[in-house]
Structures are given as structure tokens and as C-alpha cells.
C-alpha atoms as a PDB file:
ATOM      1  CA  MET A   1     114.360 110.817 123.921  1.00  0.00           C
ATOM      2  CA  GLU A   2     115.956 109.598 120.675  1.00  0.00           C
ATOM      3  CA  ALA A   3     113.244 106.964 120.233  1.00  0.00           C
ATOM      4  CA  ILE A   4     110.545 109.625 120.596  1.00  0.00           C
ATOM      5  CA  ILE A   5     112.223 111.784 117.958  1.00  0.00           C
ATOM      6  CA  PHE A   6     112.498 108.751 115.679  1.00  0.00           C
ATOM      7  CA  TYR A   7     108.782 108.027 116.011  1.00  0.00           C
ATOM      8  CA  ILE A   8     107.898 111.679 115.399  1.00  0.00           C
ATOM      9  CA  PHE A   9     109.913 111.862 112.175  1.00  0.00           C
ATOM     10  CA  SER A  10     108.694 108.426 111.075  1.00  0.00           C
ATOM     11  CA  ALA A  11     105.102 109.519 111.585  1.00  0.00           C
ATOM     12  CA  LEU A  12     105.794 112.802 109.747  1.00  0.00           C
ATOM     13  CA  THR A  13     107.251 110.922 106.786  1.00  0.00           C
ATOM     14  CA  LEU A  14     104.436 108.376 106.640  1.00  0.00           C
ATOM     15  CA  LEU A  15     101.676 110.959 107.027  1.00  0.00           C
ATOM     16  CA  ALA A  16     103.224 113.164 104.352  1.00  0.00           C
ATOM     17  CA  GLY A  17     103.433 110.159 102.022  1.00  0.00           C
ATOM     18  CA  LEU A  18      99.786 109.317 102.649  1.00  0.00           C
ATOM     19  CA  PHE A  19      98.792 112.931 102.048  1.00  0.00           C
ATOM     20  CA  ILE A  20     100.617 112.829  98.699  1.00  0.00           C
ATOM     21  CA  LEU A  21      98.536 109.796  97.726  1.00  0.00           C
ATOM     22  CA  VAL A  22      95.159 111.291  98.616  1.00  0.00           C
ATOM     23  CA  SER A  23      95.748 114.927  97.659  1.00  0.00           C
ATOM     24  CA  ARG A  24      94.121 116.236  94.493  1.00  0.00           C
ATOM     25  CA  ASN A  25      95.982 119.546  94.554  1.00  0.00           C
ATOM     26  CA  LEU A  26      99.471 119.345  93.020  1.00  0.00           C
ATOM     27  CA  ILE A  27     100.897 122.207  95.064  1.00  0.00           C
ATOM     28  CA  TYR A  28      99.714 120.622  98.336  1.00  0.00           C
ATOM     29  CA  GLY A  29     101.189 117.320  97.181  1.00  0.00           C
ATOM     30  CA  ALA A  30     104.511 119.006  96.421  1.00  0.00           C
ATOM     31  CA  PHE A  31     104.639 120.567  99.885  1.00  0.00           C
ATOM     32  CA  ALA A  32     103.776 117.202 101.425  1.00  0.00           C
ATOM     33  CA  LEU A  33     106.659 115.749  99.404  1.00  0.00           C
ATOM     34  CA  PHE A  34     108.856 118.447 100.964  1.00  0.00           C
ATOM     35  CA  LEU A  35     107.857 117.229 104.436  1.00  0.00           C
ATOM     36  CA  ALA A  36     108.465 113.610 103.424  1.00  0.00           C
ATOM     37  CA  PHE A  37     111.959 114.457 102.134  1.00  0.00           C
ATOM     38  CA  LEU A  38     112.788 116.346 105.333  1.00  0.00           C
ATOM     39  CA  GLY A  39     111.505 113.441 107.425  1.00  0.00           C
ATOM     40  CA  VAL A  40     113.703 111.002 105.531  1.00  0.00           C
ATOM     41  CA  ALA A  41     116.699 113.317 105.990  1.00  0.00           C
ATOM     42  CA  ALA A  42     116.014 113.455 109.731  1.00  0.00           C
ATOM     43  CA  LEU A  43     115.851 109.655 109.834  1.00  0.00           C
ATOM     44  CA  TYR A  44     119.237 109.528 108.086  1.00  0.00           C
ATOM     45  CA  VAL A  45     120.655 111.832 110.766  1.00  0.00           C
ATOM     46  CA  LEU A  46     119.280 109.590 113.502  1.00  0.00           C
ATOM     47  CA  ALA A  47     120.822 106.551 111.767  1.00  0.00           C
ATOM     48  CA  GLY A  48     124.239 108.232 111.724  1.00  0.00           C
ATOM     49  CA  ALA A  49     124.335 108.666 107.937  1.00  0.00           C
ATOM     50  CA  ASP A  50     125.155 112.354 107.953  1.00  0.00           C
ATOM     51  CA  PHE A  51     126.316 112.504 104.336  1.00  0.00           C
ATOM     52  CA  LEU A  52     123.089 110.902 103.121  1.00  0.00           C
ATOM     53  CA  ALA A  53     121.073 113.404 105.156  1.00  0.00           C
ATOM     54  CA  VAL A  54     122.889 116.380 103.651  1.00  0.00           C
ATOM     55  CA  SER A  55     122.614 114.844 100.170  1.00  0.00           C
ATOM     56  CA  GLN A  56     118.894 114.250 100.695  1.00  0.00           C
ATOM     57  CA  ILE A  57     118.340 117.893 101.588  1.00  0.00           C
ATOM     58  CA  MET A  58     120.568 119.356  98.882  1.00  0.00           C
ATOM     59  CA  ILE A  59     119.546 117.105  95.989  1.00  0.00           C
ATOM     60  CA  TYR A  60     115.939 116.229  96.652  1.00  0.00           C
ATOM     61  CA  VAL A  61     114.702 119.235  98.616  1.00  0.00           C
ATOM     62  CA  GLY A  62     117.013 121.833  97.113  1.00  0.00           C
ATOM     63  CA  GLY A  63     116.979 120.646  93.523  1.00  0.00           C
ATOM     64  CA  ILE A  64     114.336 118.194  92.467  1.00  0.00           C
ATOM     65  CA  LEU A  65     111.492 119.506  94.612  1.00  0.00           C
ATOM     66  CA  VAL A  66     112.148 123.136  93.634  1.00  0.00           C
ATOM     67  CA  LEU A  67     112.207 122.102  89.968  1.00  0.00           C
ATOM     68  CA  LEU A  68     108.952 120.191  90.464  1.00  0.00           C
ATOM     69  CA  ILE A  69     107.254 123.191  92.098  1.00  0.00           C
ATOM     70  CA  PHE A  70     108.451 125.492  89.308  1.00  0.00           C
ATOM     71  CA  GLY A  71     107.103 123.026  86.753  1.00  0.00           C
ATOM     72  CA  ILE A  72     103.739 122.942  88.474  1.00  0.00           C
ATOM     73  CA  MET A  73     103.584 126.715  88.716  1.00  0.00           C
ATOM     74  CA  LEU A  74     104.589 127.261  85.105  1.00  0.00           C
ATOM     75  CA  THR A  75     102.015 124.829  83.758  1.00  0.00           C
ATOM     76  CA  GLN A  76      99.029 125.958  85.822  1.00  0.00           C
ATOM     77  CA  LYS A  77      96.293 127.798  83.944  1.00  0.00           C
ATOM     78  CA  ARG A  78      95.621 131.274  85.201  1.00  0.00           C
ATOM     79  CA  GLU A  79      92.090 132.239  86.014  1.00  0.00           C
ATOM     80  CA  LYS A  80      91.138 135.201  83.859  1.00  0.00           C
ATOM     81  CA  SER A  81      89.236 137.882  85.714  1.00  0.00           C
ATOM     82  CA  ASP A  82      87.601 140.930  84.175  1.00  0.00           C
ATOM     83  CA  ASP A  83      87.734 142.714  87.530  1.00  0.00           C
ATOM     84  CA  SER A  84      90.999 144.662  87.582  1.00  0.00           C
ATOM     85  CA  THR A  85      90.432 145.792  91.174  1.00  0.00           C
ATOM     86  CA  ARG A  86      90.535 142.241  92.525  1.00  0.00           C
ATOM     87  CA  HIS A  87      93.628 141.642  94.636  1.00  0.00           C
ATOM     88  CA  ASN A  88      95.578 138.430  94.811  1.00  0.00           C
ATOM     89  CA  ARG A  89      94.838 137.843  98.483  1.00  0.00           C
ATOM     90  CA  VAL A  90      93.381 134.901 100.273  1.00  0.00           C
ATOM     91  CA  ASP A  91      91.263 135.641 103.307  1.00  0.00           C
ATOM     92  CA  VAL A  92      92.247 133.195 106.017  1.00  0.00           C
ATOM     93  CA  PRO A  93      89.718 132.693 108.826  1.00  0.00           C
ATOM     94  CA  ILE A  94      90.878 133.642 112.315  1.00  0.00           C
ATOM     95  CA  THR A  95      90.556 130.055 113.563  1.00  0.00           C
ATOM     96  CA  ARG A  96      93.063 128.861 110.968  1.00  0.00           C
ATOM     97  CA  ARG A  97      95.433 131.651 111.931  1.00  0.00           C
ATOM     98  CA  ILE A  98      95.225 130.657 115.597  1.00  0.00           C
ATOM     99  CA  TRP A  99      95.825 126.972 114.792  1.00  0.00           C
ATOM    100  CA  GLY A 100      98.730 127.947 112.550  1.00  0.00           C
ATOM    101  CA  VAL A 101     100.358 130.030 115.270  1.00  0.00           C
ATOM    102  CA  LEU A 102      99.832 127.285 117.856  1.00  0.00           C
ATOM    103  CA  ALA A 103     101.293 124.625 115.550  1.00  0.00           C
ATOM    104  CA  GLY A 104     104.283 126.849 114.739  1.00  0.00           C
ATOM    105  CA  VAL A 105     104.969 127.644 118.401  1.00  0.00           C
ATOM    106  CA  GLY A 106     104.618 123.969 119.345  1.00  0.00           C
ATOM    107  CA  PHE A 107     106.977 122.833 116.605  1.00  0.00           C
ATOM    108  CA  PHE A 108     109.456 125.560 117.546  1.00  0.00           C
ATOM    109  CA  GLY A 109     109.298 124.462 121.196  1.00  0.00           C
ATOM    110  CA  LEU A 110     109.946 120.851 120.206  1.00  0.00           C
ATOM    111  CA  LEU A 111     112.964 121.851 118.120  1.00  0.00           C
ATOM    112  CA  VAL A 112     114.374 124.006 120.939  1.00  0.00           C
ATOM    113  CA  LYS A 113     113.951 121.107 123.381  1.00  0.00           C
ATOM    114  CA  VAL A 114     115.747 118.715 121.019  1.00  0.00           C
ATOM    115  CA  ILE A 115     118.596 121.174 120.449  1.00  0.00           C
ATOM    116  CA  LEU A 116     119.033 121.912 124.150  1.00  0.00           C
ATOM    117  CA  SER A 117     119.001 118.212 125.089  1.00  0.00           C
ATOM    118  CA  SER A 118     121.558 117.254 122.431  1.00  0.00           C
ATOM    119  CA  ASP A 119     125.239 116.872 123.143  1.00  0.00           C
ATOM    120  CA  PHE A 120     127.105 118.614 120.342  1.00  0.00           C
ATOM    121  CA  ALA A 121     130.519 118.585 122.026  1.00  0.00           C
ATOM    122  CA  MET A 122     132.671 116.014 120.259  1.00  0.00           C
ATOM    123  CA  ALA A 123     136.421 115.790 120.473  1.00  0.00           C
ATOM    124  CA  GLY A 124     138.485 115.908 117.282  1.00  0.00           C
ATOM    125  CA  ALA A 125     139.326 112.193 117.213  1.00  0.00           C
ATOM    126  CA  GLU A 126     135.785 111.164 118.131  1.00  0.00           C
ATOM    127  CA  MET A 127     134.331 113.404 115.422  1.00  0.00           C
ATOM    128  CA  SER A 128     136.647 112.053 112.726  1.00  0.00           C
ATOM    129  CA  THR A 129     135.672 108.467 113.520  1.00  0.00           C
ATOM    130  CA  LYS A 130     131.946 109.251 113.716  1.00  0.00           C
ATOM    131  CA  SER A 131     131.542 111.458 110.634  1.00  0.00           C
ATOM    132  CA  THR A 132     132.121 110.301 107.060  1.00  0.00           C
ATOM    133  CA  ILE A 133     131.741 113.686 105.388  1.00  0.00           C
ATOM    134  CA  ARG A 134     135.462 114.499 105.410  1.00  0.00           C
ATOM    135  CA  THR A 135     136.407 111.154 103.831  1.00  0.00           C
ATOM    136  CA  ILE A 136     133.726 111.401 101.164  1.00  0.00           C
ATOM    137  CA  GLY A 137     134.646 115.019 100.394  1.00  0.00           C
ATOM    138  CA  VAL A 138     138.321 114.162  99.920  1.00  0.00           C
ATOM    139  CA  GLU A 139     137.416 111.193  97.689  1.00  0.00           C
ATOM    140  CA  LEU A 140     135.048 113.303  95.544  1.00  0.00           C
ATOM    141  CA  MET A 141     137.646 115.996  94.981  1.00  0.00           C
ATOM    142  CA  THR A 142     140.597 113.689  94.277  1.00  0.00           C
ATOM    143  CA  SER A 143     140.024 110.225  92.824  1.00  0.00           C
ATOM    144  CA  HIS A 144     136.375 110.702  91.750  1.00  0.00           C
ATOM    145  CA  LEU A 145     136.618 114.224  90.346  1.00  0.00           C
ATOM    146  CA  LEU A 146     135.773 113.356  86.714  1.00  0.00           C
ATOM    147  CA  PRO A 147     132.435 111.575  87.458  1.00  0.00           C
ATOM    148  CA  PHE A 148     131.538 114.397  89.873  1.00  0.00           C
ATOM    149  CA  GLU A 149     132.125 117.039  87.171  1.00  0.00           C
ATOM    150  CA  VAL A 150     130.246 115.009  84.516  1.00  0.00           C
ATOM    151  CA  ALA A 151     127.237 114.767  86.847  1.00  0.00           C
ATOM    152  CA  ALA A 152     127.392 118.544  87.435  1.00  0.00           C
ATOM    153  CA  ILE A 153     127.454 119.248  83.681  1.00  0.00           C
ATOM    154  CA  LEU A 154     124.526 116.857  83.063  1.00  0.00           C
ATOM    155  CA  LEU A 155     122.493 118.591  85.764  1.00  0.00           C
ATOM    156  CA  LEU A 156     123.302 121.991  84.217  1.00  0.00           C
ATOM    157  CA  VAL A 157     122.197 120.790  80.769  1.00  0.00           C
ATOM    158  CA  ALA A 158     118.956 119.406  82.257  1.00  0.00           C
ATOM    159  CA  LEU A 159     118.271 122.732  83.978  1.00  0.00           C
ATOM    160  CA  ILE A 160     118.874 124.687  80.757  1.00  0.00           C
ATOM    161  CA  GLY A 161     116.605 122.280  78.864  1.00  0.00           C
ATOM    162  CA  ALA A 162     113.848 122.676  81.467  1.00  0.00           C
ATOM    163  CA  ALA A 163     114.112 126.466  81.254  1.00  0.00           C
ATOM    164  CA  TYR A 164     113.917 126.310  77.449  1.00  0.00           C
ATOM    165  CA  LEU A 165     110.830 124.099  77.545  1.00  0.00           C
ATOM    166  CA  ALA A 166     109.141 126.437  80.022  1.00  0.00           C
ATOM    167  CA  LEU A 167     109.479 129.454  77.732  1.00  0.00           C
ATOM    168  CA  ASN A 168     106.302 130.854  76.253  1.00  0.00           C
ATOM    169  CA  ARG A 169     106.779 130.050  72.561  1.00  0.00           C
ATOM    170  CA  ASN A 170     103.588 131.568  71.160  1.00  0.00           C
ATOM    171  CA  PRO A 171     104.425 133.098  67.765  1.00  0.00           C
ATOM    172  CA  ALA A 172     103.785 136.805  67.446  1.00  0.00           C
ATOM    173  CA  PRO A 173     101.088 137.771  64.900  1.00  0.00           C
END
């Protein structure tokens, strides 16, 4: 079962990477990058690198990808429309809705099967030898606290700089 899950997440990561290469739409490429990052995080979990998986999700998916999507959205040109009654809706054909529901239900079923077939019961000693998160957390908050705080301040400064650059700085007449 673990080999099947590995091949599924490997295929997801590779297909998302290929879609990024051939996509002309930046938003679609960003969402494909999201799937690629999640696939890599799942592969880290399967390899037993739990800290890398959590870091992958928090840093790349939670930080960099969200910043990239905001950058894309802030720099897109709006289409001007003289029709004020036009709504911002997209009409999705019924066949796409059906395929979307089927894909969602299938993916949900696969996740439920994986969760139900997994053995989450680990004893205290077995968990401490298998997981590295506790050791890394203690090291980050004791002997490596200064570099950790410097990295946090640099990320905060980069976020403030990105927000400043995204401001609309058109001078008022």
C-alpha cells in the first residue's frame, strides 16, 4: 500500500511540474506549484523526514506560494467594463461540475482509505526514536535561537517591503 501511495504522490508532483512548464496562465501555474509542493511534502512524510515535510508546507506552501499568488493578483490588469450590471461570475458547464464532484469524492475516498489503513498508535519510546521534531525544536529554541530570530526578522522586513512595493503610488492630481 505504501508503494502505491508513493507512486501516486510522485505522479502528482511530476504532473504538476509539467503543468507549470506548459501553462500560459500564471494563476493556474501557481496552483500547480501548490500541488507540486504538497506532493513533495507527502514524499518527505513517506521518507520519514517529518520535519522537512512540515517545513515544506509551512515555508513553501504557507509563505512563498501565498506571496507569489498575491504578487500575481496585485499585478494583473483589470478588464474595464462599461456595463455596471455585469456580475463577477463564471458560468461553469454542468459536465465540469460533475467531473469536479467525482474527482473530489474520489480523492476524499482515497484519503479516507489511507487514514483508516494507517497505524498511528506509537508508544512513547518508539515515537521519540522515530520523530526528530522534538530534538530540532529544542535545538532551535536553545542553542540556535539567535539565527532563528534573525531569519524571522529578515522575513518580516521582506514582507513589509513587498507590501510597500504593492501599494498604488499614483500621485493625486
